[in-house]
Protein backbone atom coordinates (compact mmCIF):
# COMPACT_ATOMS: atom_id res chain seq x y z
CA UNK A 1 11.87 15.71 -20.07
CA UNK A 2 11.64 12.61 -21.41
CA UNK A 3 9.75 9.79 -19.19
CA UNK A 4 12.43 7.61 -19.94
CA UNK A 5 14.92 9.64 -17.91
CA UNK A 6 14.60 8.56 -14.60
CA UNK A 7 16.90 10.96 -12.66
CA UNK A 8 15.29 10.13 -8.99
CA UNK A 9 18.51 8.46 -8.12
CA UNK A 10 19.38 7.71 -4.42
CA UNK A 11 22.97 7.38 -2.76
CA UNK A 12 22.68 3.43 -3.36
CA UNK A 13 21.72 3.49 -6.94
CA UNK A 14 17.97 3.08 -6.97
CA UNK A 15 15.66 3.80 -9.18
CA UNK A 16 12.34 5.76 -7.73
CA UNK A 17 9.70 4.84 -10.81
CA UNK A 18 6.85 4.09 -8.54
CA UNK A 19 4.46 6.79 -7.04
CA UNK A 20 1.64 5.99 -4.48
CA UNK A 21 -0.31 9.49 -4.01
CA UNK A 22 -1.99 9.55 -1.01
CA UNK A 23 -5.77 10.91 -1.58
CA UNK A 24 -7.14 11.35 2.16
CA UNK A 25 -6.60 10.41 5.06
CA UNK A 26 -10.40 9.73 5.88
CA UNK A 27 -11.51 5.99 5.94
CA UNK A 28 -14.84 3.85 6.23
CA UNK A 29 -13.29 1.81 8.64
CA UNK A 30 -11.01 1.62 11.71
CA UNK A 31 -8.54 -1.47 11.03
CA UNK A 32 -6.34 -1.08 14.27
CA UNK A 33 -3.12 -1.78 12.20
CA UNK A 34 -3.61 0.89 10.96
CA UNK A 35 -5.71 4.15 12.97
CA UNK A 36 -5.35 4.64 16.09
CA UNK A 37 -7.99 3.23 18.31
CA UNK A 38 -8.88 7.05 19.00
CA UNK A 39 -9.05 7.76 15.56
CA UNK A 40 -6.83 11.27 14.16
CA UNK A 41 -7.20 14.41 14.39
CA UNK A 42 -9.65 16.01 10.99
CA UNK A 43 -8.35 18.93 9.28
CA UNK A 44 -9.06 21.90 7.41
CA UNK A 45 -9.63 20.56 3.91
CA UNK A 46 -7.23 23.71 2.69
CA UNK A 47 -4.23 21.71 3.89
CA UNK A 48 -4.47 19.00 1.95
CA UNK A 49 -3.75 19.06 -1.78
CA UNK A 50 -6.90 19.72 -3.86
CA UNK A 51 -7.44 17.49 -7.21
CA UNK A 52 -5.50 20.52 -9.37
CA UNK A 53 -2.66 20.24 -6.65
CA UNK A 54 -2.81 16.39 -7.03
CA UNK A 55 -2.76 16.54 -11.10
CA UNK A 56 0.24 18.91 -11.22
CA UNK A 57 2.37 17.88 -8.83
CA UNK A 58 1.74 13.91 -10.48
CA UNK A 59 3.09 15.92 -13.50
CA UNK A 60 5.98 16.83 -11.57
CA UNK A 61 6.81 13.50 -10.45
CA UNK A 62 6.36 11.59 -14.60
CA UNK A 63 8.39 14.16 -15.88
CA UNK A 64 10.92 13.03 -13.22
CA UNK A 65 10.87 9.61 -14.37
CA UNK A 66 8.07 8.06 -12.35
CA UNK A 67 6.07 5.38 -14.66
CA UNK A 68 3.38 4.13 -11.96
CA UNK A 69 0.88 5.72 -9.87
CA UNK A 70 -1.04 4.21 -7.06
CA UNK A 71 -3.90 5.63 -5.34
CA UNK A 72 -3.89 5.04 -1.92
CA UNK A 73 -6.10 6.51 1.53
CA UNK A 74 -7.48 6.67 4.40
CA UNK A 75 -9.96 5.50 1.71
CA UNK A 76 -9.61 7.10 -1.46
CA UNK A 77 -12.60 6.43 -2.97
CA UNK A 78 -14.18 8.49 0.10
CA UNK A 79 -13.18 11.37 -1.60
CA UNK A 80 -15.60 13.38 -3.50
CA UNK A 81 -13.78 14.24 -6.36
CA UNK A 82 -12.52 10.87 -6.66
CA UNK A 83 -13.57 9.73 -10.18
CA UNK A 84 -12.30 13.17 -11.15
CA UNK A 85 -8.43 13.39 -9.96
CA UNK A 86 -8.42 9.12 -11.89
CA UNK A 87 -10.02 10.63 -15.11
CA UNK A 88 -6.70 13.11 -14.91
CA UNK A 89 -4.27 11.19 -14.16
CA UNK A 90 -4.81 8.55 -16.82
CA UNK A 91 -4.17 10.95 -19.10
CA UNK A 92 -0.34 10.76 -18.18
CA UNK A 93 1.67 7.83 -19.66
CA UNK A 94 2.04 5.65 -16.36
CA UNK A 95 0.03 2.85 -15.57
CA UNK A 96 -2.38 4.05 -12.57
CA UNK A 97 -3.65 1.05 -10.20
CA UNK A 98 -5.53 1.72 -6.28
CA UNK A 99 -5.37 0.03 -3.24
CA UNK A 100 -8.82 0.43 -1.51
CA UNK A 101 -10.93 -1.09 1.18
CA UNK A 102 -13.34 -2.47 -1.55
CA UNK A 103 -16.14 -1.03 0.26
CA UNK A 104 -17.41 1.79 -2.23
CA UNK A 105 -16.12 -0.53 -5.40
CA UNK A 106 -18.97 -0.58 -7.39
CA UNK A 107 -19.65 2.99 -7.96
CA UNK A 108 -16.50 2.72 -9.16
CA UNK A 109 -16.02 0.10 -11.62
CA UNK A 110 -16.92 1.67 -15.14
CA UNK A 111 -14.74 4.20 -13.59
CA UNK A 112 -11.99 2.11 -13.80
CA UNK A 113 -12.87 0.71 -16.88
CA UNK A 114 -13.07 3.55 -18.50
CA UNK A 115 -9.17 4.84 -17.19
CA UNK A 116 -7.74 1.05 -17.82
CA UNK A 117 -7.41 0.76 -14.66
CA UNK A 118 -7.10 -2.76 -13.87
CA UNK A 119 -4.84 -3.37 -10.80
CA UNK A 120 -6.94 -3.20 -8.23
CA UNK A 121 -5.57 -3.96 -4.61
CA UNK A 122 -8.52 -4.82 -1.70
CA UNK A 123 -8.15 -4.97 2.22
CA UNK A 124 -8.90 -8.13 3.81
CA UNK A 125 -8.08 -9.43 6.94
CA UNK A 126 -10.75 -12.42 7.72
CA UNK A 127 -12.74 -14.42 5.66
CA UNK A 128 -14.82 -14.97 8.89
CA UNK A 129 -17.39 -11.56 9.06
CA UNK A 130 -17.15 -11.64 12.92
CA UNK A 131 -13.42 -11.60 12.59
CA UNK A 132 -13.17 -8.75 10.20
CA UNK A 133 -15.93 -6.57 11.69
CA UNK A 134 -13.79 -7.22 14.66
CA UNK A 135 -10.45 -6.55 13.15
CA UNK A 136 -12.05 -2.91 11.30
CA UNK A 137 -14.78 -1.61 13.97
CA UNK A 138 -17.00 -1.75 11.62
CA UNK A 139 -19.40 -4.00 9.70
CA UNK A 140 -18.96 -3.82 6.06
CA UNK A 141 -17.86 -7.49 5.35
CA UNK A 142 -20.99 -8.35 3.35
CA UNK A 143 -20.05 -5.35 1.13
CA UNK A 144 -16.38 -5.97 0.60
CA UNK A 145 -16.92 -9.43 0.04
CA UNK A 146 -19.35 -8.92 -2.80
CA UNK A 147 -16.88 -6.18 -5.04
CA UNK A 148 -14.31 -8.71 -4.42
CA UNK A 149 -16.40 -11.05 -6.03
CA UNK A 150 -17.51 -8.47 -8.47
CA UNK A 151 -13.86 -8.01 -9.52
CA UNK A 152 -13.15 -11.18 -10.22
CA UNK A 153 -15.71 -12.01 -12.00
CA UNK A 154 -14.83 -8.81 -14.71
CA UNK A 155 -11.81 -9.76 -14.99
CA UNK A 156 -9.70 -7.04 -12.38
CA UNK A 157 -6.12 -7.67 -11.60
CA UNK A 158 -7.76 -8.90 -8.23
CA UNK A 159 -5.04 -8.75 -5.11
CA UNK A 160 -5.78 -8.84 -2.04
CA UNK A 161 -3.54 -8.14 0.68
CA UNK A 162 -4.40 -9.13 4.50
CA UNK A 163 -2.06 -8.71 8.00
CA UNK A 164 -1.40 -11.28 9.23
CA UNK A 165 -1.26 -11.14 13.38
CA UNK A 166 -0.55 -13.44 15.97
CA UNK A 167 -3.86 -14.37 17.79
CA UNK A 168 -6.21 -12.68 15.29
CA UNK A 169 -5.51 -14.25 11.67
CA UNK A 170 -2.65 -16.85 11.59
CA UNK A 171 -5.12 -19.21 12.18
CA UNK A 172 -6.55 -18.44 8.77
CA UNK A 173 -3.82 -18.88 6.51
CA UNK A 174 -4.36 -22.14 5.25
CA UNK A 175 -8.20 -21.09 3.94
CA UNK A 176 -6.44 -17.54 2.61
CA UNK A 177 -4.64 -19.44 0.40
CA UNK A 178 -7.84 -22.30 -0.02
CA UNK A 179 -9.21 -19.35 -1.70
CA UNK A 180 -7.11 -18.82 -4.59
CA UNK A 181 -8.19 -22.29 -5.32
CA UNK A 182 -11.05 -21.45 -7.32
CA UNK A 183 -9.86 -17.54 -7.78
CA UNK A 184 -8.40 -15.63 -9.73
CA UNK A 185 -6.20 -14.01 -7.59
CA UNK A 186 -2.83 -12.43 -5.90
CA UNK A 187 -3.39 -12.82 -2.41
CA UNK A 188 -0.44 -11.46 -0.01
CA UNK A 189 0.14 -11.90 3.18
CA UNK A 190 2.02 -9.05 5.72
CA UNK A 191 4.15 -8.60 8.78
CA UNK A 192 2.58 -6.78 10.87
CA UNK A 193 4.29 -3.23 10.95
CA UNK A 194 5.00 -0.73 13.59
CA UNK A 195 3.86 2.45 12.87
CA UNK A 196 1.95 5.53 15.31
CA UNK A 197 -1.03 4.69 17.39
CA UNK A 198 -1.57 0.79 16.79
CA UNK A 199 0.33 -0.28 19.54
CA UNK A 200 2.93 -2.56 17.28
CA UNK A 201 4.71 -5.20 19.90
CA UNK A 202 6.90 -7.66 17.31
CA UNK A 203 5.28 -10.82 19.34
CA UNK A 204 2.17 -10.18 17.44
CA UNK A 205 4.27 -10.38 14.41
CA UNK A 206 4.17 -13.81 12.22
CA UNK A 207 7.07 -13.90 9.93
CA UNK A 208 8.09 -14.89 6.94
CA UNK A 209 9.44 -18.06 8.28
CA UNK A 210 6.83 -18.72 10.15
CA UNK A 211 4.28 -18.02 7.58
CA UNK A 212 5.54 -20.52 4.96
CA UNK A 213 6.01 -23.34 7.84
CA UNK A 214 2.60 -22.81 8.58
CA UNK A 215 1.90 -23.40 4.59
CA UNK A 216 5.05 -25.78 3.58
CA UNK A 217 3.28 -28.54 6.46
CA UNK A 218 0.18 -28.02 4.75
CA UNK A 219 0.38 -28.02 1.21
CA UNK A 220 4.00 -29.52 0.75
CA UNK A 221 5.52 -30.65 -1.97
CA UNK A 222 2.13 -28.70 -3.52
CA UNK A 223 3.94 -25.76 -3.08
CA UNK A 224 5.39 -23.65 -6.14
CA UNK A 225 7.89 -20.63 -6.11
CA UNK A 226 7.32 -18.56 -8.69
CA UNK A 227 9.69 -15.57 -9.72
CA UNK A 228 9.39 -12.64 -8.65
CA UNK A 229 9.07 -9.50 -10.88
CA UNK A 230 12.45 -6.68 -10.77
CA UNK A 231 11.11 -4.25 -7.78
CA UNK A 232 8.32 -6.33 -6.01
CA UNK A 233 8.12 -6.45 -2.48
CA UNK A 234 6.77 -9.81 -2.15
CA UNK A 235 8.00 -13.42 -2.64
CA UNK A 236 5.02 -15.27 -4.57
CA UNK A 237 4.01 -19.06 -4.90
CA UNK A 238 1.42 -21.18 -6.09
CA UNK A 239 0.21 -24.00 -4.92
CA UNK A 240 0.10 -26.46 -7.84
CA UNK A 241 -3.84 -26.50 -10.46
CA UNK A 242 -5.02 -23.61 -8.28
CA UNK A 243 -6.31 -20.35 -10.55
CA UNK A 244 -4.34 -17.88 -8.13
CA UNK A 245 -1.27 -17.48 -6.33
CA UNK A 246 0.06 -15.85 -2.76
CA UNK A 247 2.65 -13.91 -1.00
CA UNK A 248 4.23 -13.16 2.06
CA UNK A 249 5.25 -9.18 2.28
CA UNK A 250 8.23 -9.62 4.96
CA UNK A 251 9.02 -6.27 5.64
CA UNK A 252 10.03 -6.94 9.11
CA UNK A 253 11.83 -9.86 9.11
CA UNK A 254 13.77 -10.45 5.04
CA UNK A 255 12.58 -6.13 3.81
CA UNK A 256 13.19 -5.66 0.29
CA UNK A 257 15.14 -2.39 0.36
CA UNK A 258 17.87 -3.55 -1.47
CA UNK A 259 15.30 -2.85 -4.81
CA UNK A 260 13.16 -0.11 -3.60
CA UNK A 261 11.79 1.90 -6.19
CA UNK A 262 8.61 3.74 -4.07
CA UNK A 263 8.17 6.76 -3.04
CA UNK A 264 4.52 7.89 -1.02
CA UNK A 265 2.92 11.63 -1.54
CA UNK A 266 0.54 12.36 1.69
CA UNK A 267 -2.67 14.02 1.42
CA UNK A 268 -1.28 16.80 2.94
CA UNK A 269 1.82 17.06 0.16
CA UNK A 270 4.34 15.90 1.90
CA UNK A 271 6.68 13.37 -0.15
CA UNK A 272 8.47 10.28 2.26
CA UNK A 273 10.48 8.98 0.70
CA UNK A 274 10.52 5.82 2.93
CA UNK A 275 7.65 4.24 4.95
CA UNK A 276 9.48 4.13 7.87
CA UNK A 277 10.54 7.39 7.58
CA UNK A 278 10.02 10.11 10.23
CA UNK A 279 11.40 12.60 7.79
CA UNK A 280 8.92 14.28 5.22
CA UNK A 281 9.30 16.64 2.83
CA UNK A 282 7.14 19.24 1.95
CA UNK A 283 6.00 20.15 -1.59
CA UNK A 284 2.15 21.91 -0.97
CA UNK A 285 3.87 24.86 1.14
CA UNK A 286 6.27 25.73 -2.01
CA UNK A 287 4.00 24.53 -5.04
CA UNK A 288 1.37 27.21 -4.07
CA UNK A 289 3.89 29.89 -3.72
CA UNK A 290 4.82 28.73 -6.81
CA UNK A 291 8.55 27.33 -6.11
CA UNK A 292 9.42 24.59 -8.33
CA UNK A 293 9.33 21.44 -6.62
CA UNK A 294 11.70 19.11 -8.68
CA UNK A 295 15.19 20.14 -7.05
CA UNK A 296 13.29 19.10 -3.42
CA UNK A 297 11.74 15.56 -5.23
CA UNK A 298 15.27 14.85 -5.81
CA UNK A 299 17.12 16.20 -2.88
CA UNK A 300 14.42 14.23 -1.00
CA UNK A 301 15.30 10.32 -2.76
CA UNK A 302 18.93 11.66 -3.01
CA UNK A 303 18.61 11.41 0.97
CA UNK A 304 16.63 8.41 1.36
CA UNK A 305 18.51 5.86 3.66
CA UNK A 306 19.85 2.13 2.58
CA UNK A 307 17.17 0.08 4.60
CA UNK A 308 13.94 1.21 6.38
CA UNK A 309 14.89 4.67 7.48
CA UNK A 310 17.80 3.60 9.56
CA UNK A 311 16.22 0.94 11.88
CA UNK A 312 18.48 -2.48 10.18
CA UNK A 313 17.50 -4.68 13.19
CA UNK A 314 14.60 -6.13 14.90
CA UNK A 315 15.92 -4.71 17.77
CA UNK A 316 15.59 -1.58 16.57
CA UNK A 317 12.39 -1.70 14.87
CA UNK A 318 11.52 -2.71 18.35
CA UNK A 319 12.35 0.46 20.05
CA UNK A 320 9.16 2.96 19.73
CA UNK A 321 11.58 5.39 20.29
CA UNK A 322 12.73 4.78 16.39
CA UNK A 323 9.36 4.67 14.74
CA UNK A 324 7.35 7.31 17.00
CA UNK A 325 8.17 10.27 15.09
CA UNK A 326 6.02 8.68 12.02
CA UNK A 327 2.93 9.14 11.04
CA UNK A 328 0.27 6.61 11.64
CA UNK A 329 -0.62 4.11 8.47
CA UNK A 330 -4.18 5.89 7.56
CA UNK A 331 -2.44 9.35 6.92
CA UNK A 332 0.89 7.82 5.56
CA UNK A 333 -1.51 6.30 2.78
CA UNK A 334 -1.10 2.52 2.27
């Protein structure tokens, strides 16, 4: 099938051409909004996709019209064969990108360059070392910050993701934007979202409206709206004469479901047609049994619900019974 023919369309007419593949559930950080305090159960390697299985299943998605693949985790770069996977996937007619916590980036710079992998998303929830260490439950601030600076120097397209939480890092919103003054990066503020084990409570969240009120009060007429790209999850802005830009991803208060083109493949080979869906489609078991998984993929996309897996309102979003069947974020893939 020609890559231009995308049949991954749901019943609402949304075409899905962006696949996020989680390489592993393991991570060298323990961010409390992503991983339960007690951690997750470590399972045998046999329960997860091998390198060859990842590449083969990715080929199936590309045949169905996927044009972009982003590698996620856990932390994708902790996987021993991450370089080999990147090398193989870069041969596909797609845009290849990655989301990482940044700790191991310096060991992969040459791999990124060799495989035309220019889009690098890095998670950084605080510019303050002590605060970041508390959020991540680890002490890697210097490595992460240094690697972000290296990516900037070497002209990668860098997006920095920060989950904004009330009483945790909401006091740094202006500092995050000031980071874009002299750094050509795209700083994205993500509303705090509910996942298994992260003790979600919207009282801890900061809405898109609140964030922009803080921004506008500080920068006033210097704030410019940037035209959002097709299928963009973020609402994009720039401060006049700043090198970088910033954005808000408002998954809770102002979701982007109408234009969603994203699907997720977990490290254990299950397809999630929505980030918030508690239901999944097992692709790995039938694949290992020699069954064509294309019909399973097509059916899963067709059954995708219109908004956030059926959670229409904040009230529904706040009902733990409606999202408790979902995984923790580290197990889904960021």
